[in-house]
Amino acid sequence: MECEDEKSMADSISKRRTRTQIMQRKKRIEELLRSAYSSDKDHLSHFPNFRHYNTNGLSLFLESGRGNKLSYDLKNYIQKLLKVNMEGPYGAEWPAEEKVKRRDMSSPEALYIFVYNKESMIGFVQYRFTIEEEIPVLYAYELQLEPAYQGKRLGKFLMQLVELIACNNGMGAVVLTVQKRNTSAINFYLNKLRYDISSISPSKVYQLMGVIGQEKSYEILCKTFDHETKAVLEES
């Protein structure tokens, strides 16, 4: 009886420790996200060398922005560029997806990197700090460049900046969604930037579950920065 009491007490202590560890981890993640979203935080300020892009005959500069501070003209520009670049890859899904993107772009959680030439804006990145599978991540919602500025290594430059911002804010990975029809984007992320199809992507989930005949039109990709995140978002 005494041994059973000691075992019961040990189990109780172990459970309390586990609950405490879970709560401490949750608190750390919440603090990370709160810090990353600090109202006075300009994520570009930590990387002054990325303020300008002077390569392949381009002379561009970058600025930060937030969704709840977009001007009317900026909203119109974002909507038009999204339609130019994404209506094709989304196909019949575009009308519904366009409404979602229009709503998301003005969210207080939507953070931006705007890219300008001397005359006007030529593209943007939209990203957020969020949680995937209990891991804090930077989710890259959009990387959109005008067609004339694509294929000039600007996209790689911007994603390198996004990865630096993620690491600087303690995120475990950069995560993004890409349409399967957008083969050039899939090639860009998988082959040029060394992203991986995440274990949370529908194709991997269905494969793990042994589900046949069900497919989604997109993949979820990720680049992880530590072993714990890799085990969860790539290998589980």
C-alpha atoms as a PDB file:
ATOM      1  CA  MET A   1       0.000   0.000   0.000  1.00  0.00           C
ATOM      2  CA  GLU A   2       2.816   2.355   0.839  1.00  0.00           C
ATOM      3  CA  CYS A   3       4.435   1.755  -2.570  1.00  0.00           C
ATOM      4  CA  GLU A   4       1.126   2.491  -4.301  1.00  0.00           C
ATOM      5  CA  ASP A   5       0.770   5.762  -2.368  1.00  0.00           C
ATOM      6  CA  GLU A   6       4.303   6.789  -3.319  1.00  0.00           C
ATOM      7  CA  LYS A   7       3.628   5.954  -6.987  1.00  0.00           C
ATOM      8  CA  SER A   8       0.376   7.917  -6.913  1.00  0.00           C
ATOM      9  CA  MET A   9       2.160  10.892  -5.372  1.00  0.00           C
ATOM     10  CA  ALA A  10       4.958  10.697  -7.955  1.00  0.00           C
ATOM     11  CA  ASP A  11       2.408  10.579 -10.788  1.00  0.00           C
ATOM     12  CA  SER A  12       0.615  13.601  -9.344  1.00  0.00           C
ATOM     13  CA  ILE A  13       3.859  15.574  -9.086  1.00  0.00           C
ATOM     14  CA  SER A  14       4.802  14.594 -12.645  1.00  0.00           C
ATOM     15  CA  LYS A  15       1.423  15.763 -13.976  1.00  0.00           C
ATOM     16  CA  ARG A  16       1.728  19.086 -12.132  1.00  0.00           C
ATOM     17  CA  ARG A  17       5.202  19.595 -13.584  1.00  0.00           C
ATOM     18  CA  THR A  18       3.917  18.802 -17.067  1.00  0.00           C
ATOM     19  CA  ARG A  19       1.024  21.258 -16.698  1.00  0.00           C
ATOM     20  CA  THR A  20       3.417  23.907 -15.387  1.00  0.00           C
ATOM     21  CA  GLN A  21       5.782  23.371 -18.305  1.00  0.00           C
ATOM     22  CA  ILE A  22       2.903  23.638 -20.776  1.00  0.00           C
ATOM     23  CA  MET A  23       1.680  26.871 -19.196  1.00  0.00           C
ATOM     24  CA  GLN A  24       5.201  28.321 -19.108  1.00  0.00           C
ATOM     25  CA  ARG A  25       5.718  27.462 -22.778  1.00  0.00           C
ATOM     26  CA  LYS A  26       2.360  28.987 -23.706  1.00  0.00           C
ATOM     27  CA  LYS A  27       3.256  32.146 -21.792  1.00  0.00           C
ATOM     28  CA  ARG A  28       6.646  32.410 -23.547  1.00  0.00           C
ATOM     29  CA  ILE A  29       4.990  32.085 -26.954  1.00  0.00           C
ATOM     30  CA  GLU A  30       2.363  34.709 -26.104  1.00  0.00           C
ATOM     31  CA  GLU A  31       5.121  37.082 -24.977  1.00  0.00           C
ATOM     32  CA  LEU A  32       7.043  36.461 -28.211  1.00  0.00           C
ATOM     33  CA  LEU A  33       4.007  37.328 -30.330  1.00  0.00           C
ATOM     34  CA  ARG A  34       3.162  40.358 -28.194  1.00  0.00           C
ATOM     35  CA  SER A  35       6.716  41.651 -28.571  1.00  0.00           C
ATOM     36  CA  ALA A  36       6.747  40.991 -32.329  1.00  0.00           C
ATOM     37  CA  TYR A  37       3.511  42.969 -32.743  1.00  0.00           C
ATOM     38  CA  SER A  38       4.631  45.870 -30.567  1.00  0.00           C
ATOM     39  CA  SER A  39       2.988  49.004 -31.992  1.00  0.00           C
ATOM     40  CA  ASP A  40       6.230  50.980 -32.172  1.00  0.00           C
ATOM     41  CA  LYS A  41       8.235  48.175 -33.789  1.00  0.00           C
ATOM     42  CA  ASP A  42       9.619  48.661 -37.296  1.00  0.00           C
ATOM     43  CA  HIS A  43      11.085  45.302 -38.252  1.00  0.00           C
ATOM     44  CA  LEU A  44      13.105  46.817 -41.078  1.00  0.00           C
ATOM     45  CA  SER A  45      15.029  49.000 -38.617  1.00  0.00           C
ATOM     46  CA  HIS A  46      17.084  45.988 -37.537  1.00  0.00           C
ATOM     47  CA  PHE A  47      18.307  45.384 -41.091  1.00  0.00           C
ATOM     48  CA  PRO A  48      19.422  48.702 -42.612  1.00  0.00           C
ATOM     49  CA  ASN A  49      21.251  46.928 -45.447  1.00  0.00           C
ATOM     50  CA  PHE A  50      17.865  45.653 -46.665  1.00  0.00           C
ATOM     51  CA  ARG A  51      16.343  49.120 -46.919  1.00  0.00           C
ATOM     52  CA  HIS A  52      17.592  49.398 -50.492  1.00  0.00           C
ATOM     53  CA  TYR A  53      17.901  47.022 -53.422  1.00  0.00           C
ATOM     54  CA  ASN A  54      20.422  48.005 -56.090  1.00  0.00           C
ATOM     55  CA  THR A  55      20.887  44.933 -58.268  1.00  0.00           C
ATOM     56  CA  ASN A  56      20.212  43.943 -61.897  1.00  0.00           C
ATOM     57  CA  GLY A  57      19.785  47.577 -62.903  1.00  0.00           C
ATOM     58  CA  LEU A  58      17.118  48.208 -60.266  1.00  0.00           C
ATOM     59  CA  SER A  59      17.198  50.968 -57.668  1.00  0.00           C
ATOM     60  CA  LEU A  60      14.488  50.281 -55.095  1.00  0.00           C
ATOM     61  CA  PHE A  61      13.764  51.085 -51.474  1.00  0.00           C
ATOM     62  CA  LEU A  62      11.659  49.351 -48.816  1.00  0.00           C
ATOM     63  CA  GLU A  63       9.256  50.597 -46.150  1.00  0.00           C
ATOM     64  CA  SER A  64       7.264  48.899 -43.384  1.00  0.00           C
ATOM     65  CA  GLY A  65       3.492  49.091 -43.014  1.00  0.00           C
ATOM     66  CA  ARG A  66       0.486  47.728 -41.117  1.00  0.00           C
ATOM     67  CA  GLY A  67      -2.888  46.574 -42.357  1.00  0.00           C
ATOM     68  CA  ASN A  68      -4.936  48.883 -40.159  1.00  0.00           C
ATOM     69  CA  LYS A  69      -3.004  51.917 -41.444  1.00  0.00           C
ATOM     70  CA  LEU A  70      -3.368  51.359 -45.192  1.00  0.00           C
ATOM     71  CA  SER A  71      -4.483  54.339 -47.241  1.00  0.00           C
ATOM     72  CA  TYR A  72      -7.284  54.048 -49.786  1.00  0.00           C
ATOM     73  CA  ASP A  73      -4.770  54.143 -52.655  1.00  0.00           C
ATOM     74  CA  LEU A  74      -2.622  51.436 -51.064  1.00  0.00           C
ATOM     75  CA  LYS A  75      -5.630  49.148 -50.669  1.00  0.00           C
ATOM     76  CA  ASN A  76      -6.538  49.636 -54.318  1.00  0.00           C
ATOM     77  CA  TYR A  77      -2.981  48.904 -55.419  1.00  0.00           C
ATOM     78  CA  ILE A  78      -2.807  45.703 -53.358  1.00  0.00           C
ATOM     79  CA  GLN A  79      -6.152  44.470 -54.705  1.00  0.00           C
ATOM     80  CA  LYS A  80      -5.164  45.108 -58.313  1.00  0.00           C
ATOM     81  CA  LEU A  81      -1.743  43.465 -58.031  1.00  0.00           C
ATOM     82  CA  LEU A  82      -3.228  40.433 -56.299  1.00  0.00           C
ATOM     83  CA  LYS A  83      -5.725  40.018 -59.112  1.00  0.00           C
ATOM     84  CA  VAL A  84      -3.059  40.363 -61.821  1.00  0.00           C
ATOM     85  CA  ASN A  85      -0.795  37.751 -60.220  1.00  0.00           C
ATOM     86  CA  MET A  86      -3.204  35.341 -58.537  1.00  0.00           C
ATOM     87  CA  GLU A  87      -6.401  35.123 -60.581  1.00  0.00           C
ATOM     88  CA  GLY A  88      -4.742  32.610 -62.919  1.00  0.00           C
ATOM     89  CA  PRO A  89      -3.317  30.222 -60.290  1.00  0.00           C
ATOM     90  CA  TYR A  90      -6.562  30.244 -58.259  1.00  0.00           C
ATOM     91  CA  GLY A  91      -8.805  29.748 -61.293  1.00  0.00           C
ATOM     92  CA  ALA A  92     -12.444  29.224 -60.355  1.00  0.00           C
ATOM     93  CA  GLU A  93     -11.576  29.676 -56.672  1.00  0.00           C
ATOM     94  CA  TRP A  94     -10.442  33.273 -57.187  1.00  0.00           C
ATOM     95  CA  PRO A  95     -13.742  35.178 -56.563  1.00  0.00           C
ATOM     96  CA  ALA A  96     -14.123  33.626 -53.109  1.00  0.00           C
ATOM     97  CA  GLU A  97     -10.411  33.900 -52.331  1.00  0.00           C
ATOM     98  CA  GLU A  98     -10.333  37.546 -53.425  1.00  0.00           C
ATOM     99  CA  LYS A  99     -12.921  38.385 -50.763  1.00  0.00           C
ATOM    100  CA  VAL A 100     -10.837  36.657 -48.100  1.00  0.00           C
ATOM    101  CA  LYS A 101      -7.678  38.481 -49.184  1.00  0.00           C
ATOM    102  CA  ARG A 102      -9.477  41.823 -49.247  1.00  0.00           C
ATOM    103  CA  ARG A 103     -10.627  41.267 -45.675  1.00  0.00           C
ATOM    104  CA  ASP A 104      -7.256  40.002 -44.452  1.00  0.00           C
ATOM    105  CA  MET A 105      -5.186  42.798 -45.955  1.00  0.00           C
ATOM    106  CA  SER A 106      -6.589  45.431 -43.563  1.00  0.00           C
ATOM    107  CA  SER A 107      -6.263  43.365 -40.402  1.00  0.00           C
ATOM    108  CA  PRO A 108      -4.234  44.913 -37.530  1.00  0.00           C
ATOM    109  CA  GLU A 109      -2.161  41.698 -37.560  1.00  0.00           C
ATOM    110  CA  ALA A 110      -1.213  42.125 -41.233  1.00  0.00           C
ATOM    111  CA  LEU A 111       2.358  43.460 -41.466  1.00  0.00           C
ATOM    112  CA  TYR A 112       3.865  44.718 -44.714  1.00  0.00           C
ATOM    113  CA  ILE A 113       7.083  45.385 -46.531  1.00  0.00           C
ATOM    114  CA  PHE A 114       6.393  47.783 -49.413  1.00  0.00           C
ATOM    115  CA  VAL A 115       8.794  48.033 -52.343  1.00  0.00           C
ATOM    116  CA  TYR A 116       9.135  51.279 -54.303  1.00  0.00           C
ATOM    117  CA  ASN A 117      11.067  52.593 -57.261  1.00  0.00           C
ATOM    118  CA  LYS A 118      11.554  56.336 -57.724  1.00  0.00           C
ATOM    119  CA  GLU A 119       8.028  56.819 -59.049  1.00  0.00           C
ATOM    120  CA  SER A 120       5.719  54.313 -57.417  1.00  0.00           C
ATOM    121  CA  MET A 121       5.216  51.036 -55.560  1.00  0.00           C
ATOM    122  CA  ILE A 122       6.146  47.877 -57.477  1.00  0.00           C
ATOM    123  CA  GLY A 123       5.356  45.135 -54.970  1.00  0.00           C
ATOM    124  CA  PHE A 124       4.884  44.075 -51.374  1.00  0.00           C
ATOM    125  CA  VAL A 125       5.212  41.314 -48.806  1.00  0.00           C
ATOM    126  CA  GLN A 126       2.442  40.661 -46.290  1.00  0.00           C
ATOM    127  CA  TYR A 127       3.245  38.569 -43.219  1.00  0.00           C
ATOM    128  CA  ARG A 128       2.010  37.769 -39.733  1.00  0.00           C
ATOM    129  CA  PHE A 129       3.314  36.253 -36.524  1.00  0.00           C
ATOM    130  CA  THR A 130       1.167  33.324 -35.473  1.00  0.00           C
ATOM    131  CA  ILE A 131       1.172  29.792 -34.029  1.00  0.00           C
ATOM    132  CA  GLU A 132       1.231  26.530 -35.995  1.00  0.00           C
ATOM    133  CA  GLU A 133       1.148  23.241 -34.073  1.00  0.00           C
ATOM    134  CA  GLU A 134       2.085  25.127 -30.873  1.00  0.00           C
ATOM    135  CA  ILE A 135       5.147  26.602 -32.609  1.00  0.00           C
ATOM    136  CA  PRO A 136       5.556  30.394 -33.063  1.00  0.00           C
ATOM    137  CA  VAL A 137       6.075  31.095 -36.754  1.00  0.00           C
ATOM    138  CA  LEU A 138       6.166  33.917 -39.257  1.00  0.00           C
ATOM    139  CA  TYR A 139       3.470  33.193 -41.844  1.00  0.00           C
ATOM    140  CA  ALA A 140       4.223  34.832 -45.199  1.00  0.00           C
ATOM    141  CA  TYR A 141       0.763  35.560 -46.598  1.00  0.00           C
ATOM    142  CA  GLU A 142       1.826  37.290 -49.806  1.00  0.00           C
ATOM    143  CA  LEU A 143       4.898  37.986 -51.902  1.00  0.00           C
ATOM    144  CA  GLN A 144       3.659  40.005 -54.871  1.00  0.00           C
ATOM    145  CA  LEU A 145       5.741  41.824 -57.485  1.00  0.00           C
ATOM    146  CA  GLU A 146       4.652  43.478 -60.684  1.00  0.00           C
ATOM    147  CA  PRO A 147       5.423  41.236 -63.696  1.00  0.00           C
ATOM    148  CA  ALA A 148       8.158  43.583 -64.985  1.00  0.00           C
ATOM    149  CA  TYR A 149      10.078  43.132 -61.706  1.00  0.00           C
ATOM    150  CA  GLN A 150       9.830  39.358 -61.476  1.00  0.00           C
ATOM    151  CA  GLY A 151      12.820  37.148 -62.292  1.00  0.00           C
ATOM    152  CA  LYS A 152      15.364  39.731 -61.099  1.00  0.00           C
ATOM    153  CA  ARG A 153      16.282  38.062 -57.767  1.00  0.00           C
ATOM    154  CA  LEU A 154      14.133  40.579 -55.902  1.00  0.00           C
ATOM    155  CA  GLY A 155      11.857  37.839 -54.583  1.00  0.00           C
ATOM    156  CA  LYS A 156      14.823  35.975 -53.106  1.00  0.00           C
ATOM    157  CA  PHE A 157      16.062  39.203 -51.511  1.00  0.00           C
ATOM    158  CA  LEU A 158      12.667  39.805 -49.902  1.00  0.00           C
ATOM    159  CA  MET A 159      12.342  36.250 -48.595  1.00  0.00           C
ATOM    160  CA  GLN A 160      15.817  36.458 -47.074  1.00  0.00           C
ATOM    161  CA  LEU A 161      14.628  39.571 -45.262  1.00  0.00           C
ATOM    162  CA  VAL A 162      11.478  37.779 -44.104  1.00  0.00           C
ATOM    163  CA  GLU A 163      13.595  34.927 -42.713  1.00  0.00           C
ATOM    164  CA  LEU A 164      15.812  37.393 -40.861  1.00  0.00           C
ATOM    165  CA  ILE A 165      12.750  39.083 -39.352  1.00  0.00           C
ATOM    166  CA  ALA A 166      11.439  35.675 -38.262  1.00  0.00           C
ATOM    167  CA  CYS A 167      14.707  34.715 -36.567  1.00  0.00           C
ATOM    168  CA  ASN A 168      15.111  38.145 -34.974  1.00  0.00           C
ATOM    169  CA  ASN A 169      11.710  37.747 -33.323  1.00  0.00           C
ATOM    170  CA  GLY A 170      12.295  34.223 -32.039  1.00  0.00           C
ATOM    171  CA  MET A 171      10.067  32.425 -34.546  1.00  0.00           C
ATOM    172  CA  GLY A 172      10.725  28.745 -35.211  1.00  0.00           C
ATOM    173  CA  ALA A 173      10.000  28.864 -38.940  1.00  0.00           C
ATOM    174  CA  VAL A 174       8.699  30.736 -41.948  1.00  0.00           C
ATOM    175  CA  VAL A 175       5.506  29.144 -43.264  1.00  0.00           C
ATOM    176  CA  LEU A 176       3.587  29.951 -46.441  1.00  0.00           C
ATOM    177  CA  THR A 177       0.870  28.614 -48.732  1.00  0.00           C
ATOM    178  CA  VAL A 178       1.342  28.203 -52.482  1.00  0.00           C
ATOM    179  CA  GLN A 179      -1.139  27.149 -55.154  1.00  0.00           C
ATOM    180  CA  LYS A 180      -0.223  23.916 -56.952  1.00  0.00           C
ATOM    181  CA  ARG A 181      -1.030  25.558 -60.289  1.00  0.00           C
ATOM    182  CA  ASN A 182       1.586  28.199 -59.559  1.00  0.00           C
ATOM    183  CA  THR A 183       4.456  25.969 -60.677  1.00  0.00           C
ATOM    184  CA  SER A 184       6.952  28.825 -60.952  1.00  0.00           C
ATOM    185  CA  ALA A 185       6.327  29.749 -57.292  1.00  0.00           C
ATOM    186  CA  ILE A 186       6.640  26.118 -56.177  1.00  0.00           C
ATOM    187  CA  ASN A 187       9.940  25.823 -58.035  1.00  0.00           C
ATOM    188  CA  PHE A 188      11.119  29.129 -56.524  1.00  0.00           C
ATOM    189  CA  TYR A 189      10.455  28.076 -52.932  1.00  0.00           C
ATOM    190  CA  LEU A 190      11.391  24.389 -53.106  1.00  0.00           C
ATOM    191  CA  ASN A 191      14.422  24.517 -55.389  1.00  0.00           C
ATOM    192  CA  LYS A 192      15.848  28.024 -55.089  1.00  0.00           C
ATOM    193  CA  LEU A 193      15.080  28.851 -51.452  1.00  0.00           C
ATOM    194  CA  ARG A 194      15.191  25.278 -50.075  1.00  0.00           C
ATOM    195  CA  TYR A 195      11.775  25.253 -48.454  1.00  0.00           C
ATOM    196  CA  ASP A 196      10.056  21.924 -47.732  1.00  0.00           C
ATOM    197  CA  ILE A 197       6.486  20.720 -47.991  1.00  0.00           C
ATOM    198  CA  SER A 198       5.321  20.872 -44.387  1.00  0.00           C
ATOM    199  CA  SER A 199       3.935  17.921 -42.455  1.00  0.00           C
ATOM    200  CA  ILE A 200       0.785  20.048 -41.947  1.00  0.00           C
ATOM    201  CA  SER A 201       0.257  20.434 -45.707  1.00  0.00           C
ATOM    202  CA  PRO A 202      -2.894  18.629 -46.907  1.00  0.00           C
ATOM    203  CA  SER A 203      -0.947  16.287 -49.212  1.00  0.00           C
ATOM    204  CA  LYS A 204       1.212  15.075 -46.305  1.00  0.00           C
ATOM    205  CA  VAL A 205      -1.746  14.801 -43.917  1.00  0.00           C
ATOM    206  CA  TYR A 206      -3.797  12.765 -46.376  1.00  0.00           C
ATOM    207  CA  GLN A 207      -0.812  10.534 -47.085  1.00  0.00           C
ATOM    208  CA  LEU A 208      -0.273   9.912 -43.376  1.00  0.00           C
ATOM    209  CA  MET A 209      -3.960   9.089 -42.892  1.00  0.00           C
ATOM    210  CA  GLY A 210      -4.017   6.818 -45.923  1.00  0.00           C
ATOM    211  CA  VAL A 211      -6.711   8.933 -47.577  1.00  0.00           C
ATOM    212  CA  ILE A 212      -6.912   8.425 -51.339  1.00  0.00           C
ATOM    213  CA  GLY A 213      -8.688  10.606 -53.878  1.00  0.00           C
ATOM    214  CA  GLN A 214      -8.862  13.789 -51.808  1.00  0.00           C
ATOM    215  CA  GLU A 215      -6.681  16.719 -52.783  1.00  0.00           C
ATOM    216  CA  LYS A 216      -6.439  20.397 -52.025  1.00  0.00           C
ATOM    217  CA  SER A 217      -5.372  23.012 -54.554  1.00  0.00           C
ATOM    218  CA  TYR A 218      -2.458  24.195 -52.405  1.00  0.00           C
ATOM    219  CA  GLU A 219       0.602  23.087 -50.466  1.00  0.00           C
ATOM    220  CA  ILE A 220       1.903  24.485 -47.184  1.00  0.00           C
ATOM    221  CA  LEU A 221       5.668  25.036 -47.281  1.00  0.00           C
ATOM    222  CA  CYS A 222       8.081  25.855 -44.499  1.00  0.00           C
ATOM    223  CA  LYS A 223      11.681  26.589 -43.614  1.00  0.00           C
ATOM    224  CA  THR A 224      12.530  25.719 -40.014  1.00  0.00           C
ATOM    225  CA  PHE A 225      15.280  27.187 -37.840  1.00  0.00           C
ATOM    226  CA  ASP A 226      15.680  24.646 -35.019  1.00  0.00           C
ATOM    227  CA  HIS A 227      15.432  20.903 -34.396  1.00  0.00           C
ATOM    228  CA  GLU A 228      12.223  21.065 -32.350  1.00  0.00           C
ATOM    229  CA  THR A 229      10.371  22.987 -35.054  1.00  0.00           C
ATOM    230  CA  LYS A 230      11.775  20.726 -37.773  1.00  0.00           C
ATOM    231  CA  ALA A 231      10.480  17.658 -35.939  1.00  0.00           C
ATOM    232  CA  VAL A 232       6.983  19.163 -35.722  1.00  0.00           C
ATOM    233  CA  LEU A 233       6.532  21.017 -39.035  1.00  0.00           C
ATOM    234  CA  GLU A 234       8.630  18.832 -41.339  1.00  0.00           C
ATOM    235  CA  GLU A 235       9.039  15.335 -39.957  1.00  0.00           C
ATOM    236  CA  SER A 236       6.016  14.462 -37.825  1.00  0.00           C
END
